[in-house]
């Protein structure tokens, strides 16, 4: 079971860009995530093909289960 915290940002050209954080500390503290996203935007160090990050759009935890089968 793999979990990822996905941070979604609005870009200057109206698109959505994402940053994924593997194995987030749980339970996720919404206030801390919001503050971190605001700091990322203020630092202006990340860009995407659709421009600079200008707004927080949301965050979510994605839980992925992978079951492997050995086929002989």
Protein backbone atom coordinates (compact mmCIF):
# COMPACT_ATOMS: atom_id res chain seq x y z
CA UNK A 1 0.00 0.00 0.00
CA UNK A 2 1.59 3.24 -1.17
CA UNK A 3 0.29 6.65 -0.22
CA UNK A 4 1.05 9.96 -1.89
CA UNK A 5 0.09 13.49 -0.86
CA UNK A 6 -0.73 15.41 -4.03
CA UNK A 7 -0.59 19.22 -3.85
CA UNK A 8 -2.50 21.00 -6.61
CA UNK A 9 -1.63 24.54 -7.65
CA UNK A 10 -3.20 27.00 -10.07
CA UNK A 11 -0.71 28.38 -12.57
CA UNK A 12 -0.43 31.81 -14.16
CA UNK A 13 -1.96 30.48 -17.40
CA UNK A 14 -5.03 29.02 -15.69
CA UNK A 15 -3.94 25.38 -15.63
CA UNK A 16 -3.33 23.00 -12.73
CA UNK A 17 0.14 21.79 -11.72
CA UNK A 18 0.84 19.10 -9.14
CA UNK A 19 3.58 18.17 -6.69
CA UNK A 20 3.53 14.66 -5.22
CA UNK A 21 5.00 13.79 -1.82
CA UNK A 22 5.51 10.09 -1.14
CA UNK A 23 4.62 8.54 2.23
CA UNK A 24 3.08 11.61 3.91
CA UNK A 25 2.89 11.79 7.70
CA UNK A 26 -0.61 10.85 8.79
CA UNK A 27 -3.00 12.12 9.78
CA UNK A 28 -2.45 14.98 7.35
CA UNK A 29 -2.78 18.36 9.06
CA UNK A 30 -4.72 20.59 6.67
CA UNK A 31 -3.43 23.82 8.20
CA UNK A 32 0.18 22.68 7.82
CA UNK A 33 -0.40 21.64 4.20
CA UNK A 34 -2.02 25.00 3.41
CA UNK A 35 0.87 26.88 5.02
CA UNK A 36 3.43 24.80 3.10
CA UNK A 37 1.62 25.45 -0.17
CA UNK A 38 1.57 29.19 0.52
CA UNK A 39 5.32 29.08 1.20
CA UNK A 40 5.92 27.21 -2.07
CA UNK A 41 3.98 29.89 -3.96
CA UNK A 42 5.77 32.75 -2.15
CA UNK A 43 9.22 31.24 -2.79
CA UNK A 44 8.47 31.20 -6.55
CA UNK A 45 10.94 28.37 -7.18
CA UNK A 46 8.64 25.95 -9.02
CA UNK A 47 7.36 26.46 -12.54
CA UNK A 48 5.58 24.22 -14.99
CA UNK A 49 4.89 24.22 -18.70
CA UNK A 50 1.83 26.33 -17.88
CA UNK A 51 3.72 28.94 -15.86
CA UNK A 52 4.47 29.90 -12.28
CA UNK A 53 2.44 28.59 -9.35
CA UNK A 54 0.08 31.37 -8.26
CA UNK A 55 -2.66 29.77 -6.14
CA UNK A 56 -3.45 26.77 -3.95
CA UNK A 57 -6.20 24.65 -5.51
CA UNK A 58 -6.28 21.68 -3.17
CA UNK A 59 -4.56 18.64 -1.75
CA UNK A 60 -5.41 14.98 -1.55
CA UNK A 61 -3.99 11.71 -0.31
CA UNK A 62 -3.90 9.00 -2.95
CA UNK A 63 -3.86 5.46 -1.60
CA UNK A 64 -2.67 2.90 -4.12
CA UNK A 65 -2.73 -0.86 -3.60
CA UNK A 66 -0.66 -3.04 -5.87
CA UNK A 67 -1.07 -6.80 -5.90
CA UNK A 68 1.53 -8.70 -7.85
CA UNK A 69 0.96 -12.22 -9.10
CA UNK A 70 3.71 -14.58 -10.14
CA UNK A 71 2.68 -16.15 -13.40
CA UNK A 72 4.83 -19.09 -14.34
